[in-house]
Amino acid sequence: QQSHDLLYALEQNYDISKETSTLVPNASLYNLVLRSYANASSTEAANQAQSVLHNMMKRCRTHYENFPTKKRIPVPSPVPAPNIISFNTVIHAWAKSGDINAGYHAEHVLFLMEEWNFQLDDFDTHVKKNDLGHSRSLLSSSPPPVVPNTRTL
């Protein structure tokens, strides 16, 4: 909770003094907050992690959408774009949550990552698209889980 409070304070600081603020949240701080929620191992914490990710995406998208044309090269966003660590940490939060629908939620985050990857095409960003797409290929190439053979007596 303390890391989330710090993140919130830095976001508010930037929102109030956009041009003059030198204290802005970076990707490491967002990912630290996401990791703290993942380590909490609860459904509520996983929901919070997903909320932080959505907020990170929204803030970054808003920055890039404020440019009138794609031909104008935008200044790198002071609000960092989510990276593969961000998405995978939220997936991990769901995996550790114990929620009966955790698989569904984790898959939703995976689809969000793919959607975000496509949205980057609309922005001239510094985000490495290949890193985001790599997670999907890792998941699709992993072997199916081994189910123990059980017998009824």
C-alpha atoms as a PDB file:
ATOM      1  CA  GLN A   1       0.000   0.000   0.000  1.00  0.00           C
ATOM      2  CA  GLN A   2       2.856   2.406   0.746  1.00  0.00           C
ATOM      3  CA  SER A   3       4.330   1.940  -2.713  1.00  0.00           C
ATOM      4  CA  HIS A   4       0.901   2.582  -4.258  1.00  0.00           C
ATOM      5  CA  ASP A   5       0.560   5.747  -2.157  1.00  0.00           C
ATOM      6  CA  LEU A   6       3.963   6.939  -3.415  1.00  0.00           C
ATOM      7  CA  LEU A   7       2.972   6.208  -7.010  1.00  0.00           C
ATOM      8  CA  TYR A   8      -0.305   8.088  -6.550  1.00  0.00           C
ATOM      9  CA  ALA A   9       1.520  11.073  -5.042  1.00  0.00           C
ATOM     10  CA  LEU A  10       3.974  11.204  -7.957  1.00  0.00           C
ATOM     11  CA  GLU A  11       1.123  10.989 -10.469  1.00  0.00           C
ATOM     12  CA  GLN A  12      -0.705  13.825  -8.718  1.00  0.00           C
ATOM     13  CA  ASN A  13       2.490  15.899  -8.603  1.00  0.00           C
ATOM     14  CA  TYR A  14       2.964  15.455 -12.339  1.00  0.00           C
ATOM     15  CA  ASP A  15      -0.705  16.213 -13.104  1.00  0.00           C
ATOM     16  CA  ILE A  16      -0.510  19.497 -11.206  1.00  0.00           C
ATOM     17  CA  SER A  17       2.837  20.718 -12.564  1.00  0.00           C
ATOM     18  CA  LYS A  18       3.344  18.921 -15.887  1.00  0.00           C
ATOM     19  CA  GLU A  19       5.994  21.186 -17.377  1.00  0.00           C
ATOM     20  CA  THR A  20       8.057  21.888 -14.269  1.00  0.00           C
ATOM     21  CA  SER A  21       7.887  18.626 -12.365  1.00  0.00           C
ATOM     22  CA  THR A  22      11.033  16.530 -12.150  1.00  0.00           C
ATOM     23  CA  LEU A  23       9.378  13.983  -9.888  1.00  0.00           C
ATOM     24  CA  VAL A  24       7.480  11.652 -12.165  1.00  0.00           C
ATOM     25  CA  PRO A  25       6.744   7.955 -11.778  1.00  0.00           C
ATOM     26  CA  ASN A  26       8.900   5.639 -13.867  1.00  0.00           C
ATOM     27  CA  ALA A  27       8.369   2.084 -15.113  1.00  0.00           C
ATOM     28  CA  SER A  28      10.362   0.659 -12.211  1.00  0.00           C
ATOM     29  CA  LEU A  29       8.045   2.242  -9.657  1.00  0.00           C
ATOM     30  CA  TYR A  30       4.923   1.035 -11.477  1.00  0.00           C
ATOM     31  CA  ASN A  31       6.385  -2.468 -11.664  1.00  0.00           C
ATOM     32  CA  LEU A  32       7.339  -2.348  -7.973  1.00  0.00           C
ATOM     33  CA  VAL A  33       3.733  -1.528  -7.087  1.00  0.00           C
ATOM     34  CA  LEU A  34       2.502  -4.334  -9.333  1.00  0.00           C
ATOM     35  CA  ARG A  35       4.951  -6.776  -7.729  1.00  0.00           C
ATOM     36  CA  SER A  36       3.835  -5.812  -4.231  1.00  0.00           C
ATOM     37  CA  TYR A  37       0.244  -6.621  -5.182  1.00  0.00           C
ATOM     38  CA  ALA A  38       1.315  -9.905  -6.795  1.00  0.00           C
ATOM     39  CA  ASN A  39       3.123 -10.899  -3.599  1.00  0.00           C
ATOM     40  CA  ALA A  40      -0.020 -10.258  -1.551  1.00  0.00           C
ATOM     41  CA  SER A  41      -1.607 -13.383  -3.104  1.00  0.00           C
ATOM     42  CA  SER A  42      -5.259 -12.371  -2.950  1.00  0.00           C
ATOM     43  CA  THR A  43      -8.074 -11.593  -5.348  1.00  0.00           C
ATOM     44  CA  GLU A  44      -8.311  -8.040  -4.043  1.00  0.00           C
ATOM     45  CA  ALA A  45      -4.577  -7.517  -4.615  1.00  0.00           C
ATOM     46  CA  ALA A  46      -4.809  -8.936  -8.156  1.00  0.00           C
ATOM     47  CA  ASN A  47      -7.700  -6.555  -8.884  1.00  0.00           C
ATOM     48  CA  GLN A  48      -5.600  -3.669  -7.564  1.00  0.00           C
ATOM     49  CA  ALA A  49      -2.661  -4.733  -9.743  1.00  0.00           C
ATOM     50  CA  GLN A  50      -4.902  -4.816 -12.798  1.00  0.00           C
ATOM     51  CA  SER A  51      -6.263  -1.387 -11.889  1.00  0.00           C
ATOM     52  CA  VAL A  52      -2.719   0.041 -11.677  1.00  0.00           C
ATOM     53  CA  LEU A  53      -1.920  -1.470 -15.093  1.00  0.00           C
ATOM     54  CA  HIS A  54      -5.083   0.037 -16.628  1.00  0.00           C
ATOM     55  CA  ASN A  55      -4.187   3.413 -15.136  1.00  0.00           C
ATOM     56  CA  MET A  56      -0.642   3.181 -16.515  1.00  0.00           C
ATOM     57  CA  MET A  57      -1.996   2.366 -19.987  1.00  0.00           C
ATOM     58  CA  LYS A  58      -4.571   5.168 -19.825  1.00  0.00           C
ATOM     59  CA  ARG A  59      -2.026   7.794 -18.772  1.00  0.00           C
ATOM     60  CA  CYS A  60       0.420   6.793 -21.492  1.00  0.00           C
ATOM     61  CA  ARG A  61      -2.296   6.582 -24.164  1.00  0.00           C
ATOM     62  CA  THR A  62      -3.582  10.037 -23.196  1.00  0.00           C
ATOM     63  CA  HIS A  63      -0.095  11.486 -23.616  1.00  0.00           C
ATOM     64  CA  TYR A  64       0.342  10.077 -27.110  1.00  0.00           C
ATOM     65  CA  GLU A  65      -3.201  10.874 -28.255  1.00  0.00           C
ATOM     66  CA  ASN A  66      -2.621  14.559 -27.530  1.00  0.00           C
ATOM     67  CA  PHE A  67      -0.423  14.815 -30.623  1.00  0.00           C
ATOM     68  CA  PRO A  68      -2.432  16.069 -33.635  1.00  0.00           C
ATOM     69  CA  THR A  69      -0.806  13.836 -36.223  1.00  0.00           C
ATOM     70  CA  LYS A  70       1.288  10.694 -36.436  1.00  0.00           C
ATOM     71  CA  LYS A  71       3.810  12.566 -38.590  1.00  0.00           C
ATOM     72  CA  ARG A  72       4.838  14.726 -35.673  1.00  0.00           C
ATOM     73  CA  ILE A  73       7.358  12.832 -33.595  1.00  0.00           C
ATOM     74  CA  PRO A  74       6.110  12.926 -30.007  1.00  0.00           C
ATOM     75  CA  VAL A  75       8.278  13.564 -27.034  1.00  0.00           C
ATOM     76  CA  PRO A  76       8.729  10.334 -25.044  1.00  0.00           C
ATOM     77  CA  SER A  77       5.947  10.061 -22.542  1.00  0.00           C
ATOM     78  CA  PRO A  78       6.808  11.225 -19.032  1.00  0.00           C
ATOM     79  CA  VAL A  79       4.410   8.492 -17.964  1.00  0.00           C
ATOM     80  CA  PRO A  80       6.048   5.222 -18.948  1.00  0.00           C
ATOM     81  CA  ALA A  81       4.320   2.718 -21.156  1.00  0.00           C
ATOM     82  CA  PRO A  82       3.647  -0.687 -19.643  1.00  0.00           C
ATOM     83  CA  ASN A  83       6.272  -3.222 -20.614  1.00  0.00           C
ATOM     84  CA  ILE A  84       6.399  -6.999 -20.595  1.00  0.00           C
ATOM     85  CA  ILE A  85       7.285  -6.963 -16.887  1.00  0.00           C
ATOM     86  CA  SER A  86       4.156  -4.936 -16.131  1.00  0.00           C
ATOM     87  CA  PHE A  87       1.809  -7.305 -17.926  1.00  0.00           C
ATOM     88  CA  ASN A  88       3.495 -10.482 -16.707  1.00  0.00           C
ATOM     89  CA  THR A  89       3.444  -9.243 -13.105  1.00  0.00           C
ATOM     90  CA  VAL A  90      -0.325  -8.735 -13.272  1.00  0.00           C
ATOM     91  CA  ILE A  91      -0.705 -12.212 -14.795  1.00  0.00           C
ATOM     92  CA  HIS A  92       1.410 -13.515 -11.895  1.00  0.00           C
ATOM     93  CA  ALA A  93      -0.811 -11.644  -9.420  1.00  0.00           C
ATOM     94  CA  TRP A  94      -3.827 -13.479 -10.797  1.00  0.00           C
ATOM     95  CA  ALA A  95      -1.989 -16.800 -10.731  1.00  0.00           C
ATOM     96  CA  LYS A  96      -1.186 -16.324  -7.037  1.00  0.00           C
ATOM     97  CA  SER A  97      -4.608 -14.955  -6.114  1.00  0.00           C
ATOM     98  CA  GLY A  98      -6.337 -18.282  -5.581  1.00  0.00           C
ATOM     99  CA  ASP A  99      -9.394 -16.858  -7.324  1.00  0.00           C
ATOM    100  CA  ILE A 100     -11.573 -19.453  -9.032  1.00  0.00           C
ATOM    101  CA  ASN A 101     -11.565 -17.302 -12.199  1.00  0.00           C
ATOM    102  CA  ALA A 102      -7.845 -16.472 -12.080  1.00  0.00           C
ATOM    103  CA  GLY A 103      -7.164 -18.174 -15.409  1.00  0.00           C
ATOM    104  CA  TYR A 104      -9.836 -16.110 -17.111  1.00  0.00           C
ATOM    105  CA  HIS A 105      -8.450 -12.884 -15.612  1.00  0.00           C
ATOM    106  CA  ALA A 106      -4.861 -13.789 -16.545  1.00  0.00           C
ATOM    107  CA  GLU A 107      -5.939 -14.515 -20.111  1.00  0.00           C
ATOM    108  CA  HIS A 108      -7.713 -11.147 -20.210  1.00  0.00           C
ATOM    109  CA  VAL A 109      -4.439  -9.447 -19.225  1.00  0.00           C
ATOM    110  CA  LEU A 110      -2.683 -11.370 -21.983  1.00  0.00           C
ATOM    111  CA  PHE A 111      -5.231 -10.049 -24.490  1.00  0.00           C
ATOM    112  CA  LEU A 112      -4.723  -6.545 -23.088  1.00  0.00           C
ATOM    113  CA  MET A 113      -1.009  -6.938 -23.756  1.00  0.00           C
ATOM    114  CA  GLU A 114      -1.681  -7.961 -27.360  1.00  0.00           C
ATOM    115  CA  GLU A 115      -4.096  -5.051 -27.802  1.00  0.00           C
ATOM    116  CA  TRP A 116      -1.538  -2.654 -26.347  1.00  0.00           C
ATOM    117  CA  ASN A 117       1.056  -4.054 -28.734  1.00  0.00           C
ATOM    118  CA  PHE A 118      -1.193  -3.184 -31.689  1.00  0.00           C
ATOM    119  CA  GLN A 119      -1.969   0.269 -30.293  1.00  0.00           C
ATOM    120  CA  LEU A 120       1.739   1.032 -30.270  1.00  0.00           C
ATOM    121  CA  ASP A 121       1.563   0.981 -34.066  1.00  0.00           C
ATOM    122  CA  ASP A 122      -0.548   4.143 -33.840  1.00  0.00           C
ATOM    123  CA  PHE A 123       2.026   5.921 -31.717  1.00  0.00           C
ATOM    124  CA  ASP A 124       5.628   6.650 -32.609  1.00  0.00           C
ATOM    125  CA  THR A 125       6.899   5.331 -29.295  1.00  0.00           C
ATOM    126  CA  HIS A 126      10.138   4.126 -27.767  1.00  0.00           C
ATOM    127  CA  VAL A 127       8.488   0.940 -26.514  1.00  0.00           C
ATOM    128  CA  LYS A 128       9.879  -2.305 -27.903  1.00  0.00           C
ATOM    129  CA  LYS A 129       6.929  -4.119 -29.445  1.00  0.00           C
ATOM    130  CA  ASN A 130       8.807  -7.387 -29.818  1.00  0.00           C
ATOM    131  CA  ASP A 131       9.149  -7.695 -26.055  1.00  0.00           C
ATOM    132  CA  LEU A 132       5.373  -7.626 -25.625  1.00  0.00           C
ATOM    133  CA  GLY A 133       4.666 -10.148 -28.362  1.00  0.00           C
ATOM    134  CA  HIS A 134       7.283 -12.535 -26.986  1.00  0.00           C
ATOM    135  CA  SER A 135       5.198 -13.397 -23.922  1.00  0.00           C
ATOM    136  CA  ARG A 136       2.334 -14.729 -26.048  1.00  0.00           C
ATOM    137  CA  SER A 137       4.694 -16.986 -28.018  1.00  0.00           C
ATOM    138  CA  LEU A 138       6.175 -18.331 -24.789  1.00  0.00           C
ATOM    139  CA  LEU A 139       2.737 -19.198 -23.460  1.00  0.00           C
ATOM    140  CA  SER A 140       1.589 -20.822 -26.681  1.00  0.00           C
ATOM    141  CA  SER A 141       4.728 -22.956 -27.004  1.00  0.00           C
ATOM    142  CA  SER A 142       4.727 -24.277 -23.453  1.00  0.00           C
ATOM    143  CA  PRO A 143       3.806 -27.929 -23.035  1.00  0.00           C
ATOM    144  CA  PRO A 144       0.430 -28.802 -21.550  1.00  0.00           C
ATOM    145  CA  PRO A 145       0.361 -29.426 -17.807  1.00  0.00           C
ATOM    146  CA  VAL A 146       0.973 -32.970 -16.666  1.00  0.00           C
ATOM    147  CA  VAL A 147      -2.114 -34.486 -15.048  1.00  0.00           C
ATOM    148  CA  PRO A 148      -1.368 -37.390 -12.733  1.00  0.00           C
ATOM    149  CA  ASN A 149      -2.974 -40.684 -13.592  1.00  0.00           C
ATOM    150  CA  THR A 150      -5.619 -41.450 -11.009  1.00  0.00           C
ATOM    151  CA  ARG A 151      -7.523 -44.651 -10.473  1.00  0.00           C
ATOM    152  CA  THR A 152     -10.697 -45.249  -8.608  1.00  0.00           C
ATOM    153  CA  LEU A 153     -10.869 -48.217  -6.284  1.00  0.00           C
END
